[in-house]
Amino acid sequence: MASPSKSIREIPAKWDEILLVCRKCGKKLHGGFGDDGTARLDKVLRKTLKQRGRKTVKIVPVACLDICPKNAVTVIKASAPSRIHLVASGSDASEALDALDL
């Protein structure tokens, strides 16, 4: 059996929060966010976080979270996995981030 120190390593992360954004929900909406309504939610959230100066949030598009809301994208904050956020198409990214306490 391999020594635990060789098989698993720990490295410091560059972020202090992770957002899981359902990629399948975003594909169903064909964008739906941003100024012209054609951008994906993960891209708009990244841009808004950068404008706010928050560089320590990692946004990870994931395959499917099995929630499948109509006209919305499912987002889960890793530090609060029991709270699922449904961001409606056309929502303002700043309001979404405020609802996520970011």
C-alpha atoms as a PDB file:
ATOM      1  CA  MET A   1       0.000   0.000   0.000  1.00  0.00           C
ATOM      2  CA  ALA A   2       1.273   3.431  -0.925  1.00  0.00           C
ATOM      3  CA  SER A   3       2.215   5.924   1.703  1.00  0.00           C
ATOM      4  CA  PRO A   4      -0.560   8.552   2.241  1.00  0.00           C
ATOM      5  CA  SER A   5       1.947  11.370   1.898  1.00  0.00           C
ATOM      6  CA  LYS A   6       2.780  10.262  -1.655  1.00  0.00           C
ATOM      7  CA  SER A   7      -0.709   9.369  -2.896  1.00  0.00           C
ATOM      8  CA  ILE A   8      -2.565  12.485  -1.681  1.00  0.00           C
ATOM      9  CA  ARG A   9      -1.138  15.962  -1.640  1.00  0.00           C
ATOM     10  CA  GLU A  10      -2.610  19.175  -0.368  1.00  0.00           C
ATOM     11  CA  ILE A  11      -1.912  22.501  -2.015  1.00  0.00           C
ATOM     12  CA  PRO A  12      -3.250  25.960  -1.170  1.00  0.00           C
ATOM     13  CA  ALA A  13      -6.208  27.203  -3.212  1.00  0.00           C
ATOM     14  CA  LYS A  14      -6.260  30.596  -4.910  1.00  0.00           C
ATOM     15  CA  TRP A  15      -9.905  31.169  -3.975  1.00  0.00           C
ATOM     16  CA  ASP A  16     -12.036  31.213  -0.837  1.00  0.00           C
ATOM     17  CA  GLU A  17     -15.403  30.371  -2.455  1.00  0.00           C
ATOM     18  CA  ILE A  18     -16.644  28.151  -5.281  1.00  0.00           C
ATOM     19  CA  LEU A  19     -19.869  28.540  -7.270  1.00  0.00           C
ATOM     20  CA  LEU A  20     -21.242  25.542  -9.153  1.00  0.00           C
ATOM     21  CA  VAL A  21     -23.237  26.711 -12.193  1.00  0.00           C
ATOM     22  CA  CYS A  22     -25.301  24.195 -14.156  1.00  0.00           C
ATOM     23  CA  ARG A  23     -24.082  24.162 -17.748  1.00  0.00           C
ATOM     24  CA  LYS A  24     -27.154  22.275 -19.005  1.00  0.00           C
ATOM     25  CA  CYS A  25     -29.537  24.957 -17.667  1.00  0.00           C
ATOM     26  CA  GLY A  26     -27.470  27.603 -19.445  1.00  0.00           C
ATOM     27  CA  LYS A  27     -27.581  25.705 -22.736  1.00  0.00           C
ATOM     28  CA  LYS A  28     -31.370  25.492 -22.570  1.00  0.00           C
ATOM     29  CA  LEU A  29     -31.543  29.287 -22.218  1.00  0.00           C
ATOM     30  CA  HIS A  30     -29.076  29.975 -25.070  1.00  0.00           C
ATOM     31  CA  GLY A  31     -27.391  32.643 -22.949  1.00  0.00           C
ATOM     32  CA  GLY A  32     -30.074  34.837 -21.449  1.00  0.00           C
ATOM     33  CA  PHE A  33     -27.806  37.113 -19.411  1.00  0.00           C
ATOM     34  CA  GLY A  34     -25.709  40.217 -19.818  1.00  0.00           C
ATOM     35  CA  ASP A  35     -26.452  43.560 -21.461  1.00  0.00           C
ATOM     36  CA  ASP A  36     -27.709  42.070 -24.726  1.00  0.00           C
ATOM     37  CA  GLY A  37     -29.166  38.874 -23.234  1.00  0.00           C
ATOM     38  CA  THR A  38     -26.871  36.499 -25.113  1.00  0.00           C
ATOM     39  CA  ALA A  39     -24.165  35.772 -22.527  1.00  0.00           C
ATOM     40  CA  ARG A  40     -23.937  32.702 -20.290  1.00  0.00           C
ATOM     41  CA  LEU A  41     -24.485  33.205 -16.560  1.00  0.00           C
ATOM     42  CA  ASP A  42     -21.027  31.956 -15.557  1.00  0.00           C
ATOM     43  CA  LYS A  43     -19.355  34.487 -17.868  1.00  0.00           C
ATOM     44  CA  VAL A  44     -21.505  37.372 -16.597  1.00  0.00           C
ATOM     45  CA  LEU A  45     -20.866  36.427 -12.955  1.00  0.00           C
ATOM     46  CA  ARG A  46     -17.095  36.277 -13.576  1.00  0.00           C
ATOM     47  CA  LYS A  47     -17.144  39.702 -15.217  1.00  0.00           C
ATOM     48  CA  THR A  48     -19.197  41.239 -12.408  1.00  0.00           C
ATOM     49  CA  LEU A  49     -16.975  39.726  -9.717  1.00  0.00           C
ATOM     50  CA  LYS A  50     -13.917  41.122 -11.487  1.00  0.00           C
ATOM     51  CA  GLN A  51     -15.527  44.580 -11.600  1.00  0.00           C
ATOM     52  CA  ARG A  52     -16.212  44.313  -7.865  1.00  0.00           C
ATOM     53  CA  GLY A  53     -12.607  43.339  -7.214  1.00  0.00           C
ATOM     54  CA  ARG A  54     -13.446  39.823  -5.940  1.00  0.00           C
ATOM     55  CA  LYS A  55     -10.774  37.579  -7.409  1.00  0.00           C
ATOM     56  CA  THR A  56     -11.114  34.823  -4.840  1.00  0.00           C
ATOM     57  CA  VAL A  57     -14.304  33.226  -6.178  1.00  0.00           C
ATOM     58  CA  LYS A  58     -13.991  30.253  -8.529  1.00  0.00           C
ATOM     59  CA  ILE A  59     -16.932  29.679 -10.869  1.00  0.00           C
ATOM     60  CA  VAL A  60     -17.175  26.098 -12.066  1.00  0.00           C
ATOM     61  CA  PRO A  61     -19.649  25.099 -14.793  1.00  0.00           C
ATOM     62  CA  VAL A  62     -20.884  21.579 -13.997  1.00  0.00           C
ATOM     63  CA  ALA A  63     -22.670  19.073 -16.218  1.00  0.00           C
ATOM     64  CA  CYS A  64     -26.109  18.843 -14.571  1.00  0.00           C
ATOM     65  CA  LEU A  65     -27.388  19.421 -11.053  1.00  0.00           C
ATOM     66  CA  ASP A  66     -30.726  17.616 -11.708  1.00  0.00           C
ATOM     67  CA  ILE A  67     -32.877  20.581 -10.660  1.00  0.00           C
ATOM     68  CA  CYS A  68     -33.881  21.730 -14.182  1.00  0.00           C
ATOM     69  CA  PRO A  69     -35.885  24.928 -13.531  1.00  0.00           C
ATOM     70  CA  LYS A  70     -37.786  26.600 -16.348  1.00  0.00           C
ATOM     71  CA  ASN A  71     -36.163  29.816 -17.623  1.00  0.00           C
ATOM     72  CA  ALA A  72     -33.462  29.823 -14.930  1.00  0.00           C
ATOM     73  CA  VAL A  73     -29.984  28.515 -14.160  1.00  0.00           C
ATOM     74  CA  THR A  74     -29.201  26.486 -11.030  1.00  0.00           C
ATOM     75  CA  VAL A  75     -26.324  27.803  -8.901  1.00  0.00           C
ATOM     76  CA  ILE A  76     -24.929  26.254  -5.718  1.00  0.00           C
ATOM     77  CA  LYS A  77     -22.462  27.988  -3.416  1.00  0.00           C
ATOM     78  CA  ALA A  78     -19.986  25.367  -2.164  1.00  0.00           C
ATOM     79  CA  SER A  79     -19.908  26.797   1.365  1.00  0.00           C
ATOM     80  CA  ALA A  80     -23.718  26.495   1.585  1.00  0.00           C
ATOM     81  CA  PRO A  81     -24.650  23.336  -0.354  1.00  0.00           C
ATOM     82  CA  SER A  82     -28.060  23.037   1.277  1.00  0.00           C
ATOM     83  CA  ARG A  83     -29.232  26.271  -0.383  1.00  0.00           C
ATOM     84  CA  ILE A  84     -29.937  26.049  -4.109  1.00  0.00           C
ATOM     85  CA  HIS A  85     -30.283  29.286  -6.077  1.00  0.00           C
ATOM     86  CA  LEU A  86     -32.323  29.536  -9.282  1.00  0.00           C
ATOM     87  CA  VAL A  87     -31.193  32.582 -11.263  1.00  0.00           C
ATOM     88  CA  ALA A  88     -33.926  33.621 -13.692  1.00  0.00           C
ATOM     89  CA  SER A  89     -33.073  34.419 -17.294  1.00  0.00           C
ATOM     90  CA  GLY A  90     -32.352  38.125 -17.710  1.00  0.00           C
ATOM     91  CA  SER A  91     -31.519  38.635 -14.025  1.00  0.00           C
ATOM     92  CA  ASP A  92     -28.960  41.245 -13.107  1.00  0.00           C
ATOM     93  CA  ALA A  93     -25.616  39.660 -12.177  1.00  0.00           C
ATOM     94  CA  SER A  94     -25.095  42.068  -9.267  1.00  0.00           C
ATOM     95  CA  GLU A  95     -28.441  41.073  -7.748  1.00  0.00           C
ATOM     96  CA  ALA A  96     -27.571  37.400  -8.179  1.00  0.00           C
ATOM     97  CA  LEU A  97     -24.228  37.880  -6.431  1.00  0.00           C
ATOM     98  CA  ASP A  98     -25.917  39.812  -3.624  1.00  0.00           C
ATOM     99  CA  ALA A  99     -28.380  36.937  -3.153  1.00  0.00           C
ATOM    100  CA  LEU A 100     -25.382  34.588  -2.970  1.00  0.00           C
ATOM    101  CA  ASP A 101     -23.742  36.860  -0.354  1.00  0.00           C
ATOM    102  CA  LEU A 102     -20.786  37.596  -2.591  1.00  0.00           C
END
